[in-house]
Amino acid sequence: MFCSILYVASILLFVFLLVFGSIAEMLRDRQGNINGLVFVAYFAVILLYVAIRYLKKGRVLHILECFQRNKYDELMPTWLLFMILPVSMVIGIGGFALLSVFIIQPYGLKGFLCNILCL
């Protein structure tokens, strides 16, 4: 149960990195005081969200019951389940890098929200 919570949380961390990374770049300050706090808050929120969703015993039992007699349970190979994480890493990190290079840096949006909110 704990490993599956961490696996789903790591997938969501990389998938939402595109959106969160752009917001974090706009919240970046010059001294770097807030940068670590923003990332720790992001990790904590994703981990808590997945843990709360997974720890509902009725929901987990319902999912197991639904897929126990499902024909797709036998058709889906194990390698496909483990390919989700690398694909989400490529999409999240690659998308964030492209967004940062082509939108955030050219338009000077780095630290934009910090300047507005920290006045």
C-alpha atoms as a PDB file:
ATOM      1  CA  MET A   1       0.000   0.000   0.000  1.00  0.00           C
ATOM      2  CA  PHE A   2       2.786   2.435   0.940  1.00  0.00           C
ATOM      3  CA  CYS A   3       4.754   1.708  -2.242  1.00  0.00           C
ATOM      4  CA  SER A   4       1.724   2.244  -4.426  1.00  0.00           C
ATOM      5  CA  ILE A   5       1.051   5.585  -2.708  1.00  0.00           C
ATOM      6  CA  LEU A   6       4.623   6.698  -3.427  1.00  0.00           C
ATOM      7  CA  TYR A   7       4.458   5.443  -7.021  1.00  0.00           C
ATOM      8  CA  VAL A   8       1.247   7.321  -7.809  1.00  0.00           C
ATOM      9  CA  ALA A   9       2.559  10.416  -5.995  1.00  0.00           C
ATOM     10  CA  SER A  10       5.763  10.397  -8.044  1.00  0.00           C
ATOM     11  CA  ILE A  11       3.771  10.114 -11.278  1.00  0.00           C
ATOM     12  CA  LEU A  12       1.566  13.045 -10.259  1.00  0.00           C
ATOM     13  CA  LEU A  13       4.607  15.082  -9.185  1.00  0.00           C
ATOM     14  CA  PHE A  14       6.060  14.846 -12.670  1.00  0.00           C
ATOM     15  CA  VAL A  15       2.775  15.270 -14.532  1.00  0.00           C
ATOM     16  CA  PHE A  16       1.870  18.452 -12.642  1.00  0.00           C
ATOM     17  CA  LEU A  17       5.453  19.769 -12.828  1.00  0.00           C
ATOM     18  CA  LEU A  18       4.565  21.594 -16.026  1.00  0.00           C
ATOM     19  CA  VAL A  19       1.947  23.742 -14.277  1.00  0.00           C
ATOM     20  CA  PHE A  20       3.607  23.968 -10.887  1.00  0.00           C
ATOM     21  CA  GLY A  21       7.063  24.617 -12.291  1.00  0.00           C
ATOM     22  CA  SER A  22       5.851  27.643 -14.208  1.00  0.00           C
ATOM     23  CA  ILE A  23       4.094  29.003 -11.107  1.00  0.00           C
ATOM     24  CA  ALA A  24       7.212  28.333  -8.998  1.00  0.00           C
ATOM     25  CA  GLU A  25       9.378  30.192 -11.536  1.00  0.00           C
ATOM     26  CA  MET A  26       7.072  33.180 -11.289  1.00  0.00           C
ATOM     27  CA  LEU A  27       7.219  33.019  -7.460  1.00  0.00           C
ATOM     28  CA  ARG A  28      11.038  32.871  -7.391  1.00  0.00           C
ATOM     29  CA  ASP A  29      12.680  35.695  -5.442  1.00  0.00           C
ATOM     30  CA  ARG A  30      16.191  37.061  -5.827  1.00  0.00           C
ATOM     31  CA  GLN A  31      17.492  35.895  -2.426  1.00  0.00           C
ATOM     32  CA  GLY A  32      16.150  32.351  -2.853  1.00  0.00           C
ATOM     33  CA  ASN A  33      14.385  32.335   0.517  1.00  0.00           C
ATOM     34  CA  ILE A  34      11.032  31.135  -0.797  1.00  0.00           C
ATOM     35  CA  ASN A  35      12.212  28.644  -3.438  1.00  0.00           C
ATOM     36  CA  GLY A  36      12.710  25.633  -1.166  1.00  0.00           C
ATOM     37  CA  LEU A  37       9.527  26.338   0.749  1.00  0.00           C
ATOM     38  CA  VAL A  38       7.460  26.359  -2.439  1.00  0.00           C
ATOM     39  CA  PHE A  39       8.806  22.983  -3.580  1.00  0.00           C
ATOM     40  CA  VAL A  40       8.383  21.374  -0.150  1.00  0.00           C
ATOM     41  CA  ALA A  41       4.776  22.602  -0.062  1.00  0.00           C
ATOM     42  CA  TYR A  42       4.195  21.160  -3.557  1.00  0.00           C
ATOM     43  CA  PHE A  43       5.583  17.747  -2.590  1.00  0.00           C
ATOM     44  CA  ALA A  44       3.597  17.695   0.657  1.00  0.00           C
ATOM     45  CA  VAL A  45       0.311  18.609  -1.035  1.00  0.00           C
ATOM     46  CA  ILE A  46       0.682  15.921  -3.719  1.00  0.00           C
ATOM     47  CA  LEU A  47       1.709  13.279  -1.177  1.00  0.00           C
ATOM     48  CA  LEU A  48      -1.168  14.124   1.165  1.00  0.00           C
ATOM     49  CA  TYR A  49      -3.666  14.133  -1.695  1.00  0.00           C
ATOM     50  CA  VAL A  50      -2.628  10.681  -2.873  1.00  0.00           C
ATOM     51  CA  ALA A  51      -2.448   9.277   0.668  1.00  0.00           C
ATOM     52  CA  ILE A  52      -5.927  10.521   1.523  1.00  0.00           C
ATOM     53  CA  ARG A  53      -7.336   9.100  -1.709  1.00  0.00           C
ATOM     54  CA  TYR A  54      -5.614   5.737  -1.195  1.00  0.00           C
ATOM     55  CA  LEU A  55      -6.239   5.268   2.506  1.00  0.00           C
ATOM     56  CA  LYS A  56      -9.994   5.128   2.110  1.00  0.00           C
ATOM     57  CA  LYS A  57     -10.422   1.388   2.626  1.00  0.00           C
ATOM     58  CA  GLY A  58     -13.792   1.234   0.894  1.00  0.00           C
ATOM     59  CA  ARG A  59     -12.402   2.845  -2.238  1.00  0.00           C
ATOM     60  CA  VAL A  60      -9.415   0.498  -2.433  1.00  0.00           C
ATOM     61  CA  LEU A  61     -11.610  -2.554  -1.883  1.00  0.00           C
ATOM     62  CA  HIS A  62     -14.013  -1.332  -4.565  1.00  0.00           C
ATOM     63  CA  ILE A  63     -11.181  -0.883  -7.066  1.00  0.00           C
ATOM     64  CA  LEU A  64      -9.794  -4.342  -6.275  1.00  0.00           C
ATOM     65  CA  GLU A  65     -13.239  -5.889  -6.624  1.00  0.00           C
ATOM     66  CA  CYS A  66     -13.881  -4.202  -9.962  1.00  0.00           C
ATOM     67  CA  PHE A  67     -10.612  -5.311 -11.508  1.00  0.00           C
ATOM     68  CA  GLN A  68     -10.460  -8.785 -10.016  1.00  0.00           C
ATOM     69  CA  ARG A  69     -12.755 -10.252 -12.657  1.00  0.00           C
ATOM     70  CA  ASN A  70     -11.844  -7.819 -15.414  1.00  0.00           C
ATOM     71  CA  LYS A  71     -10.408  -9.154 -18.664  1.00  0.00           C
ATOM     72  CA  TYR A  72      -8.103  -6.132 -19.002  1.00  0.00           C
ATOM     73  CA  ASP A  73      -6.316  -7.108 -15.799  1.00  0.00           C
ATOM     74  CA  GLU A  74      -4.774 -10.051 -17.610  1.00  0.00           C
ATOM     75  CA  LEU A  75      -4.207  -8.224 -20.896  1.00  0.00           C
ATOM     76  CA  MET A  76      -2.199  -5.306 -19.486  1.00  0.00           C
ATOM     77  CA  PRO A  77       1.464  -6.337 -19.290  1.00  0.00           C
ATOM     78  CA  THR A  78       3.573  -5.417 -16.292  1.00  0.00           C
ATOM     79  CA  TRP A  79       6.068  -3.422 -18.349  1.00  0.00           C
ATOM     80  CA  LEU A  80       3.270  -1.049 -19.342  1.00  0.00           C
ATOM     81  CA  LEU A  81       2.596  -0.208 -15.702  1.00  0.00           C
ATOM     82  CA  PHE A  82       6.250   0.593 -15.131  1.00  0.00           C
ATOM     83  CA  MET A  83       6.537   2.701 -18.319  1.00  0.00           C
ATOM     84  CA  ILE A  84       4.083   5.256 -16.924  1.00  0.00           C
ATOM     85  CA  LEU A  85       6.694   6.799 -14.600  1.00  0.00           C
ATOM     86  CA  PRO A  86       9.411   7.438 -17.223  1.00  0.00           C
ATOM     87  CA  VAL A  87       6.839   8.778 -19.679  1.00  0.00           C
ATOM     88  CA  SER A  88       5.456  11.140 -17.041  1.00  0.00           C
ATOM     89  CA  MET A  89       9.020  12.281 -16.268  1.00  0.00           C
ATOM     90  CA  VAL A  90       9.703  13.070 -19.906  1.00  0.00           C
ATOM     91  CA  ILE A  91       6.400  14.926 -20.308  1.00  0.00           C
ATOM     92  CA  GLY A  92       6.735  16.883 -17.052  1.00  0.00           C
ATOM     93  CA  ILE A  93      10.407  17.834 -17.206  1.00  0.00           C
ATOM     94  CA  GLY A  94      10.443  18.335 -20.976  1.00  0.00           C
ATOM     95  CA  GLY A  95       7.290  20.429 -20.933  1.00  0.00           C
ATOM     96  CA  PHE A  96       8.595  22.550 -18.066  1.00  0.00           C
ATOM     97  CA  ALA A  97      11.918  23.100 -19.832  1.00  0.00           C
ATOM     98  CA  LEU A  98      10.189  24.145 -23.056  1.00  0.00           C
ATOM     99  CA  LEU A  99       7.802  26.424 -21.179  1.00  0.00           C
ATOM    100  CA  SER A 100      10.667  27.992 -19.267  1.00  0.00           C
ATOM    101  CA  VAL A 101      12.853  28.545 -22.334  1.00  0.00           C
ATOM    102  CA  PHE A 102      10.193  29.786 -24.737  1.00  0.00           C
ATOM    103  CA  ILE A 103       7.718  31.646 -22.499  1.00  0.00           C
ATOM    104  CA  ILE A 104       9.000  32.476 -18.998  1.00  0.00           C
ATOM    105  CA  GLN A 105      12.511  33.702 -19.833  1.00  0.00           C
ATOM    106  CA  PRO A 106      11.765  35.653 -23.044  1.00  0.00           C
ATOM    107  CA  TYR A 107       8.856  37.547 -21.485  1.00  0.00           C
ATOM    108  CA  GLY A 108      10.669  38.201 -18.200  1.00  0.00           C
ATOM    109  CA  LEU A 109       8.131  36.367 -16.039  1.00  0.00           C
ATOM    110  CA  LYS A 110      10.731  34.982 -13.618  1.00  0.00           C
ATOM    111  CA  GLY A 111       9.858  36.385 -10.183  1.00  0.00           C
ATOM    112  CA  PHE A 112       6.810  38.181 -11.556  1.00  0.00           C
ATOM    113  CA  LEU A 113       4.349  36.945  -8.929  1.00  0.00           C
ATOM    114  CA  CYS A 114       6.836  37.435  -6.099  1.00  0.00           C
ATOM    115  CA  ASN A 115       7.238  41.087  -7.047  1.00  0.00           C
ATOM    116  CA  ILE A 116       3.479  41.580  -7.012  1.00  0.00           C
ATOM    117  CA  LEU A 117       2.756  39.613  -3.820  1.00  0.00           C
ATOM    118  CA  CYS A 118       5.797  40.671  -1.760  1.00  0.00           C
ATOM    119  CA  LEU A 119       5.361  44.419  -2.095  1.00  0.00           C
END
